[in-house]
Each structure stands twice: as C-alpha cells, then as structure tokens.
C-alpha atoms as a PDB file:
ATOM      1  CA  UNK A   1      12.145  25.708  34.416  1.00  0.00           C
ATOM      2  CA  UNK A   2      12.324  27.767  31.010  1.00  0.00           C
ATOM      3  CA  UNK A   3      15.114  25.414  29.687  1.00  0.00           C
ATOM      4  CA  UNK A   4      13.462  22.110  31.013  1.00  0.00           C
ATOM      5  CA  UNK A   5      10.249  22.815  29.350  1.00  0.00           C
ATOM      6  CA  UNK A   6      11.774  23.701  26.070  1.00  0.00           C
ATOM      7  CA  UNK A   7      14.041  20.229  26.132  1.00  0.00           C
ATOM      8  CA  UNK A   8      10.753  18.536  26.929  1.00  0.00           C
ATOM      9  CA  UNK A   9       8.655  20.221  24.161  1.00  0.00           C
ATOM     10  CA  UNK A  10      11.635  19.702  21.891  1.00  0.00           C
ATOM     11  CA  UNK A  11      11.639  15.717  22.365  1.00  0.00           C
ATOM     12  CA  UNK A  12       7.914  15.358  21.845  1.00  0.00           C
ATOM     13  CA  UNK A  13       8.346  17.144  18.707  1.00  0.00           C
ATOM     14  CA  UNK A  14      10.966  14.987  17.207  1.00  0.00           C
ATOM     15  CA  UNK A  15       9.281  11.948  18.891  1.00  0.00           C
ATOM     16  CA  UNK A  16       5.993  12.631  17.122  1.00  0.00           C
ATOM     17  CA  UNK A  17       7.740  13.330  13.596  1.00  0.00           C
ATOM     18  CA  UNK A  18       9.657   9.755  13.473  1.00  0.00           C
ATOM     19  CA  UNK A  19       6.442   8.334  14.700  1.00  0.00           C
ATOM     20  CA  UNK A  20       5.173   9.715  11.442  1.00  0.00           C
ATOM     21  CA  UNK A  21       7.760   8.450   9.006  1.00  0.00           C
ATOM     22  CA  UNK A  22       6.740   5.071   7.290  1.00  0.00           C
ATOM     23  CA  UNK A  23       8.875   1.982   7.800  1.00  0.00           C
ATOM     24  CA  UNK A  24      10.292   0.766   5.193  1.00  0.00           C
ATOM     25  CA  UNK A  25       9.316  -2.599   4.345  1.00  0.00           C
ATOM     26  CA  UNK A  26      11.328  -5.597   4.835  1.00  0.00           C
ATOM     27  CA  UNK A  27       9.380  -8.011   3.657  1.00  0.00           C
ATOM     28  CA  UNK A  28       6.976  -9.148   0.785  1.00  0.00           C
ATOM     29  CA  UNK A  29       4.004  -9.276   3.432  1.00  0.00           C
ATOM     30  CA  UNK A  30       4.902  -6.085   5.083  1.00  0.00           C
ATOM     31  CA  UNK A  31       5.273  -4.296   1.263  1.00  0.00           C
ATOM     32  CA  UNK A  32       1.491  -5.734   0.315  1.00  0.00           C
ATOM     33  CA  UNK A  33       0.515  -4.333   4.087  1.00  0.00           C
ATOM     34  CA  UNK A  34       2.350  -0.957   3.143  1.00  0.00           C
ATOM     35  CA  UNK A  35       0.237  -0.798  -0.312  1.00  0.00           C
ATOM     36  CA  UNK A  36      -3.166  -1.858   1.480  1.00  0.00           C
ATOM     37  CA  UNK A  37      -2.368   0.984   3.847  1.00  0.00           C
ATOM     38  CA  UNK A  38      -2.481   3.330   0.627  1.00  0.00           C
ATOM     39  CA  UNK A  39      -5.397   1.808  -1.277  1.00  0.00           C
ATOM     40  CA  UNK A  40      -7.809   1.145   1.668  1.00  0.00           C
ATOM     41  CA  UNK A  41      -6.806   3.362   5.152  1.00  0.00           C
ATOM     42  CA  UNK A  42     -10.039   2.530   6.186  1.00  0.00           C
ATOM     43  CA  UNK A  43     -10.403  -0.937   5.802  1.00  0.00           C
ATOM     44  CA  UNK A  44     -13.660  -1.270   3.747  1.00  0.00           C
ATOM     45  CA  UNK A  45     -12.890  -3.449   0.802  1.00  0.00           C
ATOM     46  CA  UNK A  46     -13.801  -6.806   2.642  1.00  0.00           C
ATOM     47  CA  UNK A  47     -17.732  -5.017   3.608  1.00  0.00           C
ATOM     48  CA  UNK A  48     -18.482  -3.183  -0.037  1.00  0.00           C
ATOM     49  CA  UNK A  49     -21.026  -2.585  -1.425  1.00  0.00           C
ATOM     50  CA  UNK A  50     -20.838  -1.182  -4.753  1.00  0.00           C
ATOM     51  CA  UNK A  51     -21.371  -0.598  -8.333  1.00  0.00           C
ATOM     52  CA  UNK A  52     -18.593  -0.590 -10.693  1.00  0.00           C
ATOM     53  CA  UNK A  53     -19.303   1.063 -14.101  1.00  0.00           C
ATOM     54  CA  UNK A  54     -16.669   0.385 -16.725  1.00  0.00           C
ATOM     55  CA  UNK A  55     -16.409   0.554 -20.507  1.00  0.00           C
ATOM     56  CA  UNK A  56     -13.674  -1.498 -22.454  1.00  0.00           C
ATOM     57  CA  UNK A  57     -11.462  -0.802 -25.216  1.00  0.00           C
ATOM     58  CA  UNK A  58     -10.435  -3.493 -27.539  1.00  0.00           C
ATOM     59  CA  UNK A  59      -8.206  -4.436 -30.146  1.00  0.00           C
ATOM     60  CA  UNK A  60      -8.950  -3.039 -34.159  1.00  0.00           C
ATOM     61  CA  UNK A  61     -11.816  -5.330 -35.196  1.00  0.00           C
ATOM     62  CA  UNK A  62     -13.929  -6.230 -31.767  1.00  0.00           C
ATOM     63  CA  UNK A  63     -16.337  -3.596 -30.692  1.00  0.00           C
ATOM     64  CA  UNK A  64     -16.163  -2.007 -27.447  1.00  0.00           C
ATOM     65  CA  UNK A  65     -18.471  -2.396 -24.312  1.00  0.00           C
ATOM     66  CA  UNK A  66     -20.099  -0.776 -21.719  1.00  0.00           C
ATOM     67  CA  UNK A  67     -21.049  -3.185 -18.924  1.00  0.00           C
ATOM     68  CA  UNK A  68     -21.395  -2.638 -15.165  1.00  0.00           C
ATOM     69  CA  UNK A  69     -21.137  -5.435 -11.917  1.00  0.00           C
ATOM     70  CA  UNK A  70     -22.033  -5.015  -8.583  1.00  0.00           C
ATOM     71  CA  UNK A  71     -20.319  -6.226  -5.254  1.00  0.00           C
ATOM     72  CA  UNK A  72     -21.181  -7.195  -2.105  1.00  0.00           C
ATOM     73  CA  UNK A  73     -18.154  -8.477  -0.328  1.00  0.00           C
ATOM     74  CA  UNK A  74     -20.000  -9.161   3.004  1.00  0.00           C
ATOM     75  CA  UNK A  75     -22.206 -12.052   1.279  1.00  0.00           C
ATOM     76  CA  UNK A  76     -19.734 -12.999  -1.642  1.00  0.00           C
ATOM     77  CA  UNK A  77     -22.363 -11.513  -3.676  1.00  0.00           C
ATOM     78  CA  UNK A  78     -21.967 -11.052  -8.120  1.00  0.00           C
ATOM     79  CA  UNK A  79     -24.551  -9.060 -10.208  1.00  0.00           C
ATOM     80  CA  UNK A  80     -23.001  -8.732 -13.470  1.00  0.00           C
ATOM     81  CA  UNK A  81     -24.932  -6.716 -16.466  1.00  0.00           C
ATOM     82  CA  UNK A  82     -24.174  -5.914 -20.610  1.00  0.00           C
ATOM     83  CA  UNK A  83     -26.483  -6.002 -23.528  1.00  0.00           C
ATOM     84  CA  UNK A  84     -28.026  -9.489 -23.825  1.00  0.00           C
ATOM     85  CA  UNK A  85     -26.595 -10.758 -20.191  1.00  0.00           C
ATOM     86  CA  UNK A  86     -27.297 -10.841 -16.992  1.00  0.00           C
ATOM     87  CA  UNK A  87     -26.825 -12.872 -13.902  1.00  0.00           C
ATOM     88  CA  UNK A  88     -26.127 -12.756 -10.203  1.00  0.00           C
ATOM     89  CA  UNK A  89     -23.995 -15.060  -7.679  1.00  0.00           C
ATOM     90  CA  UNK A  90     -23.520 -15.394  -3.797  1.00  0.00           C
ATOM     91  CA  UNK A  91     -21.330 -18.008  -2.455  1.00  0.00           C
ATOM     92  CA  UNK A  92     -22.161 -20.834  -4.965  1.00  0.00           C
ATOM     93  CA  UNK A  93     -25.643 -19.861  -6.210  1.00  0.00           C
ATOM     94  CA  UNK A  94     -26.137 -18.914  -9.721  1.00  0.00           C
ATOM     95  CA  UNK A  95     -29.328 -17.035 -10.791  1.00  0.00           C
ATOM     96  CA  UNK A  96     -29.227 -16.331 -15.007  1.00  0.00           C
ATOM     97  CA  UNK A  97     -32.164 -13.483 -15.502  1.00  0.00           C
ATOM     98  CA  UNK A  98     -30.986 -12.299 -19.076  1.00  0.00           C
ATOM     99  CA  UNK A  99     -29.305 -14.342 -21.636  1.00  0.00           C
ATOM    100  CA  UNK A 100     -27.039 -17.744 -21.134  1.00  0.00           C
ATOM    101  CA  UNK A 101     -24.467 -18.539 -18.878  1.00  0.00           C
ATOM    102  CA  UNK A 102     -23.189 -21.845 -17.339  1.00  0.00           C
ATOM    103  CA  UNK A 103     -22.830 -21.746 -13.614  1.00  0.00           C
ATOM    104  CA  UNK A 104     -18.941 -22.698 -13.301  1.00  0.00           C
ATOM    105  CA  UNK A 105     -18.431 -19.729 -16.053  1.00  0.00           C
ATOM    106  CA  UNK A 106     -20.258 -17.235 -14.046  1.00  0.00           C
ATOM    107  CA  UNK A 107     -18.877 -18.662 -10.495  1.00  0.00           C
ATOM    108  CA  UNK A 108     -15.493 -18.048 -12.285  1.00  0.00           C
ATOM    109  CA  UNK A 109     -16.464 -14.506 -13.212  1.00  0.00           C
ATOM    110  CA  UNK A 110     -17.155 -13.715  -9.798  1.00  0.00           C
ATOM    111  CA  UNK A 111     -13.979 -14.972  -8.463  1.00  0.00           C
ATOM    112  CA  UNK A 112     -12.516 -13.087 -11.634  1.00  0.00           C
ATOM    113  CA  UNK A 113     -14.117  -9.368 -10.952  1.00  0.00           C
ATOM    114  CA  UNK A 114     -13.305  -9.508  -7.042  1.00  0.00           C
ATOM    115  CA  UNK A 115      -9.889 -10.571  -7.275  1.00  0.00           C
ATOM    116  CA  UNK A 116      -8.576  -8.167  -9.915  1.00  0.00           C
ATOM    117  CA  UNK A 117     -10.880  -4.908  -8.459  1.00  0.00           C
ATOM    118  CA  UNK A 118      -9.799  -6.377  -4.816  1.00  0.00           C
ATOM    119  CA  UNK A 119      -6.275  -5.829  -5.200  1.00  0.00           C
ATOM    120  CA  UNK A 120      -4.137  -5.295  -3.318  1.00  0.00           C
ATOM    121  CA  UNK A 121      -6.456  -6.342  -0.672  1.00  0.00           C
ATOM    122  CA  UNK A 122      -7.101  -9.418  -1.825  1.00  0.00           C
ATOM    123  CA  UNK A 123      -3.412 -10.422  -1.102  1.00  0.00           C
ATOM    124  CA  UNK A 124      -4.647 -10.424   2.525  1.00  0.00           C
ATOM    125  CA  UNK A 125      -6.787 -13.440   1.947  1.00  0.00           C
ATOM    126  CA  UNK A 126      -5.735 -16.844   4.054  1.00  0.00           C
ATOM    127  CA  UNK A 127      -3.785 -18.986   2.232  1.00  0.00           C
ATOM    128  CA  UNK A 128      -1.975 -16.329   0.033  1.00  0.00           C
ATOM    129  CA  UNK A 129       1.600 -17.184   0.413  1.00  0.00           C
ATOM    130  CA  UNK A 130       3.580 -13.992  -0.487  1.00  0.00           C
ATOM    131  CA  UNK A 131       7.378 -14.807  -0.783  1.00  0.00           C
ATOM    132  CA  UNK A 132       9.536 -12.832   1.986  1.00  0.00           C
ATOM    133  CA  UNK A 133      12.258 -11.669  -0.550  1.00  0.00           C
ATOM    134  CA  UNK A 134      11.232  -8.070  -2.358  1.00  0.00           C
ATOM    135  CA  UNK A 135      12.720  -7.702  -5.452  1.00  0.00           C
ATOM    136  CA  UNK A 136      13.173  -4.994  -7.652  1.00  0.00           C
ATOM    137  CA  UNK A 137      12.379  -4.665 -11.134  1.00  0.00           C
ATOM    138  CA  UNK A 138      12.407  -1.792 -13.904  1.00  0.00           C
ATOM    139  CA  UNK A 139       9.187  -1.550 -15.774  1.00  0.00           C
ATOM    140  CA  UNK A 140       9.046   1.147 -18.121  1.00  0.00           C
ATOM    141  CA  UNK A 141      11.695   3.134 -17.074  1.00  0.00           C
ATOM    142  CA  UNK A 142      10.738   2.984 -13.690  1.00  0.00           C
ATOM    143  CA  UNK A 143      11.838   1.588 -10.648  1.00  0.00           C
ATOM    144  CA  UNK A 144       9.494  -1.017  -8.435  1.00  0.00           C
ATOM    145  CA  UNK A 145       9.287  -2.832  -5.864  1.00  0.00           C
ATOM    146  CA  UNK A 146       7.757  -6.081  -6.136  1.00  0.00           C
ATOM    147  CA  UNK A 147       5.890  -8.925  -4.272  1.00  0.00           C
ATOM    148  CA  UNK A 148       5.836 -12.324  -5.985  1.00  0.00           C
ATOM    149  CA  UNK A 149       2.931 -14.630  -5.021  1.00  0.00           C
ATOM    150  CA  UNK A 150       2.611 -18.005  -6.350  1.00  0.00           C
ATOM    151  CA  UNK A 151      -0.268 -19.949  -7.103  1.00  0.00           C
ATOM    152  CA  UNK A 152      -1.272 -23.572  -7.729  1.00  0.00           C
ATOM    153  CA  UNK A 153      -1.437 -22.525 -11.130  1.00  0.00           C
ATOM    154  CA  UNK A 154       0.118 -19.713 -11.596  1.00  0.00           C
ATOM    155  CA  UNK A 155       2.457 -16.958 -10.137  1.00  0.00           C
ATOM    156  CA  UNK A 156       2.210 -13.347  -9.991  1.00  0.00           C
ATOM    157  CA  UNK A 157       3.977 -10.403 -10.056  1.00  0.00           C
ATOM    158  CA  UNK A 158       2.941  -6.973  -8.348  1.00  0.00           C
ATOM    159  CA  UNK A 159       4.489  -3.837  -8.928  1.00  0.00           C
ATOM    160  CA  UNK A 160       4.234  -1.286  -6.450  1.00  0.00           C
ATOM    161  CA  UNK A 161       5.614   2.650  -6.234  1.00  0.00           C
ATOM    162  CA  UNK A 162       8.835   2.529  -3.798  1.00  0.00           C
ATOM    163  CA  UNK A 163       7.969   5.832  -2.181  1.00  0.00           C
ATOM    164  CA  UNK A 164       3.571   5.990  -1.654  1.00  0.00           C
ATOM    165  CA  UNK A 165       3.378   1.767  -2.128  1.00  0.00           C
ATOM    166  CA  UNK A 166       0.499   2.128  -4.549  1.00  0.00           C
ATOM    167  CA  UNK A 167       0.136  -0.517  -7.002  1.00  0.00           C
ATOM    168  CA  UNK A 168       0.977   0.540 -10.304  1.00  0.00           C
ATOM    169  CA  UNK A 169       1.098  -3.070 -12.452  1.00  0.00           C
ATOM    170  CA  UNK A 170       0.738  -6.633 -11.920  1.00  0.00           C
ATOM    171  CA  UNK A 171       1.693  -9.683 -14.052  1.00  0.00           C
ATOM    172  CA  UNK A 172       0.984 -13.394 -13.792  1.00  0.00           C
ATOM    173  CA  UNK A 173       2.769 -16.782 -15.675  1.00  0.00           C
ATOM    174  CA  UNK A 174       0.405 -19.997 -16.191  1.00  0.00           C
ATOM    175  CA  UNK A 175       4.134 -20.856 -17.676  1.00  0.00           C
ATOM    176  CA  UNK A 176       6.738 -19.175 -15.889  1.00  0.00           C
ATOM    177  CA  UNK A 177       9.674 -20.919 -18.018  1.00  0.00           C
ATOM    178  CA  UNK A 178       8.567 -19.532 -21.416  1.00  0.00           C
ATOM    179  CA  UNK A 179       7.512 -16.484 -19.775  1.00  0.00           C
ATOM    180  CA  UNK A 180       4.086 -17.101 -21.061  1.00  0.00           C
ATOM    181  CA  UNK A 181       1.326 -14.695 -19.162  1.00  0.00           C
ATOM    182  CA  UNK A 182      -0.062 -11.345 -19.219  1.00  0.00           C
ATOM    183  CA  UNK A 183       0.617  -8.232 -17.414  1.00  0.00           C
ATOM    184  CA  UNK A 184      -1.664  -5.168 -16.748  1.00  0.00           C
ATOM    185  CA  UNK A 185      -0.631  -1.743 -16.375  1.00  0.00           C
ATOM    186  CA  UNK A 186      -2.353   0.704 -13.880  1.00  0.00           C
ATOM    187  CA  UNK A 187      -3.090   4.145 -14.685  1.00  0.00           C
ATOM    188  CA  UNK A 188      -5.422   7.019 -12.304  1.00  0.00           C
ATOM    189  CA  UNK A 189      -7.109   6.204  -9.162  1.00  0.00           C
ATOM    190  CA  UNK A 190     -10.657   6.334  -8.595  1.00  0.00           C
ATOM    191  CA  UNK A 191     -12.062   6.878  -5.146  1.00  0.00           C
ATOM    192  CA  UNK A 192     -14.568   5.993  -3.140  1.00  0.00           C
ATOM    193  CA  UNK A 193     -15.082   6.592   0.476  1.00  0.00           C
ATOM    194  CA  UNK A 194     -11.318   6.562   0.751  1.00  0.00           C
ATOM    195  CA  UNK A 195     -10.916   3.584  -0.934  1.00  0.00           C
ATOM    196  CA  UNK A 196      -8.336   4.193  -4.013  1.00  0.00           C
ATOM    197  CA  UNK A 197      -9.260   1.821  -7.041  1.00  0.00           C
ATOM    198  CA  UNK A 198      -6.964   2.161 -10.223  1.00  0.00           C
ATOM    199  CA  UNK A 199      -9.145   3.885 -12.516  1.00  0.00           C
ATOM    200  CA  UNK A 200      -6.996   2.317 -16.156  1.00  0.00           C
ATOM    201  CA  UNK A 201      -6.155  -1.417 -16.429  1.00  0.00           C
ATOM    202  CA  UNK A 202      -4.180  -2.212 -20.026  1.00  0.00           C
ATOM    203  CA  UNK A 203      -3.247  -5.696 -20.844  1.00  0.00           C
ATOM    204  CA  UNK A 204      -0.609  -7.524 -22.978  1.00  0.00           C
ATOM    205  CA  UNK A 205       0.700 -10.429 -22.896  1.00  0.00           C
ATOM    206  CA  UNK A 206       4.074 -11.256 -21.827  1.00  0.00           C
ATOM    207  CA  UNK A 207       5.135 -13.697 -24.304  1.00  0.00           C
ATOM    208  CA  UNK A 208       4.715 -11.482 -27.227  1.00  0.00           C
ATOM    209  CA  UNK A 209       4.314  -7.315 -27.373  1.00  0.00           C
ATOM    210  CA  UNK A 210       0.442  -7.813 -27.955  1.00  0.00           C
ATOM    211  CA  UNK A 211      -2.291  -5.394 -26.479  1.00  0.00           C
ATOM    212  CA  UNK A 212      -5.367  -7.565 -25.366  1.00  0.00           C
ATOM    213  CA  UNK A 213      -7.722  -4.630 -23.624  1.00  0.00           C
ATOM    214  CA  UNK A 214      -8.029  -1.589 -21.402  1.00  0.00           C
ATOM    215  CA  UNK A 215     -10.438  -1.548 -19.155  1.00  0.00           C
ATOM    216  CA  UNK A 216     -11.954   1.505 -17.833  1.00  0.00           C
ATOM    217  CA  UNK A 217     -13.674   2.321 -14.775  1.00  0.00           C
ATOM    218  CA  UNK A 218     -15.911   5.377 -14.807  1.00  0.00           C
ATOM    219  CA  UNK A 219     -17.494   5.471 -11.476  1.00  0.00           C
ATOM    220  CA  UNK A 220     -18.161   3.400  -8.105  1.00  0.00           C
ATOM    221  CA  UNK A 221     -21.363   4.556  -7.030  1.00  0.00           C
END
C-alpha cells in the first residue's frame, strides 16, 4: 500500500509540473495570446479606466513636453490634456474644452492612444488578421519571435521575447517595398493592477536612422 501511494504521489507531482509548463506557441495567434497573458493576466484592459502621465523627449531643437490622457475603454472614451489644449472623445463625439482641435484629428488621436498603449491586447480585436507563421528576427543582437499583422494601409511586425513573450518592440511599414515606416523600441514596465504596460517607447524611422521621440510613462493612476 505504501508503494502504491508513493507512486500515486509521484505521478500527481509530475502531472502538476507538466501542467505548469507553457506550451510553445505554434502560430502567430498563439504567440499573441501568450503575450497578452503576460501583459494582462487579469484581463482588465477592455474595462480599464485610468490616467496615463507622459513625458516625452524630442530631437534637438524641439522642446520636450509633459501631458496626460485618460482612457475609459468600457465606453470608448479619451480625455487628453497638454498645455494649451484639452479635449474629450466618447465614441464618435468630440468636445473641445480648451484650444482648438479638429474633430477628425481628435478621433484619430483617441484611436492612436488606445491602440498603441493597449498593445498587445488590441491585437485580439475582432477583424485583426494575425499571420499564421511565426517569424524570427535578430534586433539589436537579440533573437525575437515575430508576428506579422497586415492592415488595410500598413503592415505591422510585433517582437516578443522568446521565453516570457513580453512585447519588446514593434514596427510598421506604410510602404513595405521601400522599407518606409517607423520602429518603436520598448523598455521597462509599469505595473497597474497586474497590467504590465511598457514604460519607455523610443521611435525611429526605418528607411533612415533618424530618432523621432521617446515617450516616457511616468505613472498610471
């Protein structure tokens, strides 16, 4: 009886260890799902109601700025505030509280902030076509797993750490044949209620080595 119990215990132990191991992704969709599990294990992005405080660093000759934006994803809401400008967007309605802002541009900015700061979670949105094949690419001396996502007007590549599946870079081409686009390197993480948002985003052009900006997330509140 003791031997049987011992074998049963060992079997359960090995089974539980196997259950805890991550299955290596075999498709681009599986890779993105693993990354979403890393960045948003509690699934709070879709209902997130929070404010992001940002400071940017721009090329020489341009003044850096501090600003903040608030998102309430449950109602497709953005409020944005920087010196001399403040506006709100809810669904397709725009309210300018200070300064001047065209309605079309305000809607684009809402989509821009909710998409870029919501990656990789936004890749789970309906209609997103993630290519099946997982690519590998060396970026700054590190080998990444890469998911390719074609949109109507541009093509995006997302770079994931091969062990943790953290998203550490992404790039997009507006003209892929001529490598015209931008690449964004991510550094650090800000943790908010279990949600891991990349802290620093440094932008470069892809067709020439030109620094564009660094967005630095100071806090989420």
